[in-house]
N, C-alpha and C. Protein backbone atom coordinates (compact mmCIF):
# COMPACT_ATOMS: atom_id res chain seq x y z
N MET A 1 5.29 42.70 -21.31
CA MET A 1 4.30 41.68 -21.62
C MET A 1 2.90 42.13 -21.16
N LEU A 2 2.86 42.74 -19.98
CA LEU A 2 1.57 43.21 -19.47
C LEU A 2 0.98 44.29 -20.37
N LYS A 3 1.83 45.20 -20.85
CA LYS A 3 1.34 46.24 -21.75
C LYS A 3 0.77 45.64 -23.03
N ARG A 4 1.45 44.61 -23.56
CA ARG A 4 0.95 43.96 -24.77
C ARG A 4 -0.40 43.29 -24.54
N LEU A 5 -0.67 42.92 -23.29
CA LEU A 5 -1.95 42.31 -22.95
C LEU A 5 -2.99 43.37 -22.56
N GLY A 6 -2.58 44.65 -22.61
CA GLY A 6 -3.52 45.74 -22.35
C GLY A 6 -3.63 46.15 -20.89
N HIS A 7 -2.59 45.87 -20.09
CA HIS A 7 -2.64 46.19 -18.67
C HIS A 7 -1.51 47.14 -18.29
N ASP A 8 -1.80 47.99 -17.31
CA ASP A 8 -0.77 48.86 -16.73
C ASP A 8 -0.22 48.19 -15.49
N ALA A 9 1.00 48.56 -15.11
CA ALA A 9 1.61 47.95 -13.94
C ALA A 9 2.44 48.98 -13.19
N ASP A 10 2.51 48.79 -11.88
CA ASP A 10 3.44 49.54 -11.04
C ASP A 10 4.56 48.59 -10.68
N LEU A 11 5.72 49.14 -10.37
CA LEU A 11 6.88 48.31 -10.06
C LEU A 11 7.35 48.55 -8.63
N ALA A 12 7.58 47.46 -7.93
CA ALA A 12 8.23 47.52 -6.61
C ALA A 12 9.52 46.73 -6.75
N VAL A 13 10.62 47.29 -6.28
CA VAL A 13 11.91 46.61 -6.48
C VAL A 13 12.23 45.60 -5.37
N ASN A 14 11.41 45.60 -4.32
CA ASN A 14 11.61 44.61 -3.26
C ASN A 14 10.29 44.36 -2.54
N GLY A 15 10.27 43.37 -1.70
CA GLY A 15 9.05 43.02 -0.99
C GLY A 15 8.53 44.12 -0.09
N LYS A 16 9.44 44.86 0.51
CA LYS A 16 9.04 45.97 1.39
C LYS A 16 8.26 47.01 0.60
N GLU A 17 8.73 47.35 -0.60
CA GLU A 17 8.02 48.31 -1.44
C GLU A 17 6.67 47.76 -1.89
N ALA A 18 6.59 46.47 -2.13
CA ALA A 18 5.32 45.86 -2.53
C ALA A 18 4.29 46.00 -1.41
N VAL A 19 4.71 45.73 -0.18
CA VAL A 19 3.81 45.87 0.96
C VAL A 19 3.38 47.33 1.10
N GLN A 20 4.30 48.25 0.99
CA GLN A 20 3.98 49.68 1.10
C GLN A 20 3.01 50.12 0.01
N ALA A 21 3.21 49.62 -1.21
CA ALA A 21 2.31 49.99 -2.31
C ALA A 21 0.89 49.55 -2.02
N LEU A 22 0.74 48.35 -1.46
CA LEU A 22 -0.59 47.84 -1.16
C LEU A 22 -1.22 48.54 0.04
N GLU A 23 -0.41 49.17 0.86
CA GLU A 23 -0.95 49.95 1.98
C GLU A 23 -1.48 51.30 1.50
N SER A 24 -0.98 51.77 0.35
CA SER A 24 -1.40 53.08 -0.15
C SER A 24 -2.56 53.00 -1.13
N ARG A 25 -2.74 51.86 -1.78
CA ARG A 25 -3.87 51.70 -2.70
C ARG A 25 -4.12 50.22 -2.97
N PRO A 26 -5.35 49.87 -3.30
CA PRO A 26 -5.65 48.46 -3.58
C PRO A 26 -5.21 48.06 -4.99
N TYR A 27 -4.81 46.83 -5.13
CA TYR A 27 -4.47 46.25 -6.43
C TYR A 27 -5.28 44.97 -6.59
N GLN A 28 -5.71 44.70 -7.80
CA GLN A 28 -6.46 43.47 -8.05
C GLN A 28 -5.54 42.26 -8.15
N ILE A 29 -4.38 42.46 -8.75
CA ILE A 29 -3.44 41.36 -8.96
C ILE A 29 -2.03 41.84 -8.69
N VAL A 30 -1.25 40.98 -8.05
CA VAL A 30 0.15 41.26 -7.77
C VAL A 30 0.97 40.10 -8.30
N PHE A 31 1.94 40.40 -9.15
CA PHE A 31 2.90 39.40 -9.58
C PHE A 31 4.10 39.56 -8.65
N MET A 32 4.30 38.56 -7.79
CA MET A 32 5.27 38.65 -6.70
C MET A 32 6.50 37.79 -6.99
N ASP A 33 7.61 38.47 -7.25
CA ASP A 33 8.86 37.74 -7.41
C ASP A 33 9.22 37.14 -6.06
N ILE A 34 9.76 35.96 -6.06
CA ILE A 34 10.07 35.29 -4.80
C ILE A 34 11.38 35.78 -4.22
N GLN A 35 12.39 35.95 -5.05
CA GLN A 35 13.69 36.39 -4.55
C GLN A 35 13.88 37.87 -4.81
N MET A 36 13.76 38.66 -3.73
CA MET A 36 13.96 40.10 -3.81
C MET A 36 14.80 40.53 -2.61
N PRO A 37 15.50 41.65 -2.75
CA PRO A 37 16.27 42.16 -1.61
C PRO A 37 15.36 42.70 -0.52
N GLU A 38 15.87 42.85 0.65
CA GLU A 38 15.21 43.40 1.85
C GLU A 38 14.12 42.50 2.40
N MET A 39 13.20 42.07 1.56
CA MET A 39 12.12 41.18 2.00
C MET A 39 11.72 40.33 0.80
N ASP A 40 11.77 39.00 0.96
CA ASP A 40 11.42 38.15 -0.17
C ASP A 40 9.92 38.11 -0.40
N GLY A 41 9.52 37.54 -1.51
CA GLY A 41 8.12 37.50 -1.88
C GLY A 41 7.24 36.68 -0.96
N LEU A 42 7.81 35.65 -0.35
CA LEU A 42 7.04 34.83 0.59
C LEU A 42 6.66 35.64 1.82
N GLU A 43 7.62 36.35 2.39
CA GLU A 43 7.36 37.18 3.57
C GLU A 43 6.43 38.34 3.22
N ALA A 44 6.65 38.97 2.07
CA ALA A 44 5.79 40.06 1.66
C ALA A 44 4.34 39.58 1.51
N THR A 45 4.16 38.41 0.97
CA THR A 45 2.81 37.85 0.82
C THR A 45 2.16 37.61 2.16
N ARG A 46 2.90 37.04 3.09
CA ARG A 46 2.35 36.79 4.43
C ARG A 46 1.88 38.10 5.08
N ILE A 47 2.70 39.14 4.95
CA ILE A 47 2.35 40.44 5.54
C ILE A 47 1.12 41.03 4.85
N ILE A 48 1.06 40.95 3.54
CA ILE A 48 -0.09 41.46 2.80
C ILE A 48 -1.36 40.74 3.24
N ARG A 49 -1.29 39.44 3.37
CA ARG A 49 -2.46 38.66 3.79
C ARG A 49 -2.90 39.03 5.21
N GLU A 50 -1.95 39.36 6.07
CA GLU A 50 -2.30 39.75 7.45
C GLU A 50 -2.90 41.15 7.51
N ARG A 51 -2.40 42.08 6.70
CA ARG A 51 -2.77 43.49 6.83
C ARG A 51 -3.95 43.94 5.98
N CYS A 52 -4.16 43.31 4.84
CA CYS A 52 -5.22 43.77 3.94
C CYS A 52 -6.58 43.28 4.42
N LEU A 53 -7.57 44.15 4.30
CA LEU A 53 -8.94 43.76 4.60
C LEU A 53 -9.39 42.72 3.59
N SER A 54 -10.32 41.90 3.97
CA SER A 54 -10.81 40.83 3.09
C SER A 54 -11.20 41.34 1.72
N ALA A 55 -11.95 42.42 1.67
CA ALA A 55 -12.43 42.96 0.39
C ALA A 55 -11.31 43.52 -0.47
N GLU A 56 -10.16 43.83 0.13
CA GLU A 56 -9.05 44.43 -0.61
C GLU A 56 -7.92 43.45 -0.90
N GLN A 57 -8.10 42.18 -0.58
CA GLN A 57 -7.05 41.20 -0.82
C GLN A 57 -6.77 41.07 -2.32
N PRO A 58 -5.53 41.26 -2.72
CA PRO A 58 -5.20 41.08 -4.13
C PRO A 58 -5.02 39.60 -4.46
N HIS A 59 -5.13 39.29 -5.71
CA HIS A 59 -4.80 37.96 -6.22
C HIS A 59 -3.28 37.98 -6.41
N ILE A 60 -2.55 37.14 -5.68
CA ILE A 60 -1.09 37.17 -5.73
C ILE A 60 -0.58 35.97 -6.52
N VAL A 61 0.23 36.26 -7.54
CA VAL A 61 0.81 35.23 -8.39
C VAL A 61 2.31 35.20 -8.15
N ALA A 62 2.81 34.05 -7.74
CA ALA A 62 4.24 33.88 -7.51
C ALA A 62 4.99 33.84 -8.84
N LEU A 63 6.15 34.47 -8.88
CA LEU A 63 7.05 34.40 -10.02
C LEU A 63 8.40 33.92 -9.53
N THR A 64 8.91 32.84 -10.09
CA THR A 64 10.21 32.38 -9.66
C THR A 64 10.93 31.63 -10.77
N ALA A 65 12.23 31.82 -10.81
CA ALA A 65 13.08 31.06 -11.72
C ALA A 65 13.60 29.81 -11.02
N PHE A 66 13.40 29.74 -9.72
CA PHE A 66 13.93 28.65 -8.91
C PHE A 66 12.81 27.71 -8.50
N ASN A 67 12.18 27.08 -9.49
CA ASN A 67 11.01 26.28 -9.17
C ASN A 67 11.32 25.05 -8.33
N LEU A 68 12.57 24.63 -8.23
CA LEU A 68 12.90 23.51 -7.36
C LEU A 68 13.05 23.95 -5.91
N VAL A 69 13.59 25.15 -5.71
CA VAL A 69 13.78 25.67 -4.36
C VAL A 69 12.47 26.18 -3.80
N TYR A 70 11.79 27.00 -4.58
CA TYR A 70 10.52 27.58 -4.16
C TYR A 70 9.41 26.91 -4.96
N GLY A 71 8.97 25.79 -4.49
CA GLY A 71 7.94 25.06 -5.20
C GLY A 71 6.57 25.67 -5.05
N ARG A 72 5.71 25.20 -5.87
CA ARG A 72 4.33 25.65 -5.89
C ARG A 72 3.69 25.59 -4.50
N GLU A 73 3.88 24.50 -3.80
CA GLU A 73 3.26 24.33 -2.48
C GLU A 73 3.77 25.35 -1.47
N MET A 74 5.05 25.66 -1.52
CA MET A 74 5.62 26.66 -0.61
C MET A 74 4.99 28.03 -0.86
N CYS A 75 4.81 28.37 -2.12
CA CYS A 75 4.21 29.66 -2.47
C CYS A 75 2.75 29.71 -2.07
N LEU A 76 2.01 28.65 -2.34
CA LEU A 76 0.60 28.62 -1.99
C LEU A 76 0.41 28.64 -0.48
N SER A 77 1.28 27.95 0.25
CA SER A 77 1.14 27.94 1.71
C SER A 77 1.48 29.30 2.32
N ALA A 78 2.24 30.13 1.61
CA ALA A 78 2.54 31.48 2.07
C ALA A 78 1.36 32.42 1.81
N GLY A 79 0.36 31.96 1.06
CA GLY A 79 -0.82 32.78 0.80
C GLY A 79 -0.99 33.23 -0.64
N MET A 80 -0.14 32.74 -1.52
CA MET A 80 -0.26 33.11 -2.93
C MET A 80 -1.38 32.31 -3.57
N ASP A 81 -1.95 32.86 -4.63
CA ASP A 81 -3.09 32.24 -5.30
C ASP A 81 -2.70 31.44 -6.54
N ASP A 82 -1.57 31.76 -7.12
CA ASP A 82 -1.17 31.12 -8.36
C ASP A 82 0.35 31.13 -8.43
N TYR A 83 0.91 30.46 -9.42
CA TYR A 83 2.35 30.25 -9.50
C TYR A 83 2.77 30.22 -10.96
N LEU A 84 3.76 31.03 -11.31
CA LEU A 84 4.36 31.01 -12.64
C LEU A 84 5.86 30.90 -12.50
N SER A 85 6.47 30.09 -13.35
CA SER A 85 7.93 30.02 -13.31
C SER A 85 8.50 30.79 -14.50
N LYS A 86 9.69 31.31 -14.29
CA LYS A 86 10.38 32.07 -15.32
C LYS A 86 11.20 31.10 -16.17
N PRO A 87 11.43 31.40 -17.40
CA PRO A 87 10.98 32.58 -18.12
C PRO A 87 9.47 32.51 -18.37
N LEU A 88 8.84 33.68 -18.28
CA LEU A 88 7.40 33.75 -18.49
C LEU A 88 7.04 33.51 -19.95
N ILE A 89 5.95 32.82 -20.13
CA ILE A 89 5.39 32.59 -21.45
C ILE A 89 4.09 33.39 -21.52
N MET A 90 3.91 34.12 -22.61
CA MET A 90 2.78 35.03 -22.75
C MET A 90 1.45 34.34 -22.45
N GLU A 91 1.24 33.16 -22.95
CA GLU A 91 -0.04 32.47 -22.74
C GLU A 91 -0.25 32.10 -21.27
N GLU A 92 0.83 31.77 -20.55
CA GLU A 92 0.70 31.47 -19.12
C GLU A 92 0.37 32.74 -18.34
N LEU A 93 0.98 33.85 -18.73
CA LEU A 93 0.67 35.13 -18.09
C LEU A 93 -0.78 35.51 -18.35
N ARG A 94 -1.22 35.37 -19.58
CA ARG A 94 -2.62 35.66 -19.93
C ARG A 94 -3.57 34.78 -19.11
N ALA A 95 -3.25 33.50 -18.98
CA ALA A 95 -4.09 32.57 -18.21
C ALA A 95 -4.15 32.97 -16.73
N ALA A 96 -3.03 33.41 -16.17
CA ALA A 96 -3.00 33.84 -14.77
C ALA A 96 -3.90 35.06 -14.57
N ILE A 97 -3.88 36.00 -15.51
CA ILE A 97 -4.72 37.19 -15.42
C ILE A 97 -6.19 36.80 -15.56
N GLU A 98 -6.49 35.92 -16.50
CA GLU A 98 -7.88 35.47 -16.68
C GLU A 98 -8.37 34.72 -15.45
N ASN A 99 -7.49 33.94 -14.82
CA ASN A 99 -7.84 33.23 -13.60
C ASN A 99 -8.18 34.22 -12.49
N CYS A 100 -7.43 35.29 -12.39
CA CYS A 100 -7.70 36.35 -11.41
C CYS A 100 -9.06 36.98 -11.66
N ILE A 101 -9.33 37.30 -12.91
CA ILE A 101 -10.60 37.93 -13.26
C ILE A 101 -11.76 37.00 -12.93
N ALA A 102 -11.62 35.72 -13.25
CA ALA A 102 -12.66 34.75 -12.95
C ALA A 102 -12.86 34.61 -11.44
N HIS A 103 -11.78 34.63 -10.69
CA HIS A 103 -11.83 34.52 -9.23
C HIS A 103 -12.56 35.73 -8.65
N ARG A 104 -12.30 36.92 -9.16
CA ARG A 104 -12.92 38.15 -8.66
C ARG A 104 -14.41 38.20 -9.01
N ALA A 105 -14.80 37.55 -10.10
CA ALA A 105 -16.20 37.57 -10.53
C ALA A 105 -17.09 36.72 -9.65
N LYS A 106 -16.51 35.84 -8.85
CA LYS A 106 -17.30 34.94 -7.99
C LYS A 106 -17.91 35.67 -6.83
């Protein structure tokens, strides 16, 4: 879906890899799955928010199929900026990216 919208992406298979990726290079936006092995998306987000310099903070969008278990408020309180539930809809993904771009332009 990201490629169809004209964007490249890197893949991390768990929260630990996501944190490591952000330690090696800055990203503008991170789509963070909530349920991952080794470290879930909530914990990974908390660590990213603690470790990244202010200027390098990515826009983090929660992705979850379990919107009743991991509600919007739980994700936002962990430090995420936006929330999408699965299955993803192309227009919602596009809106999340545009929201990130608008946020960065401020």
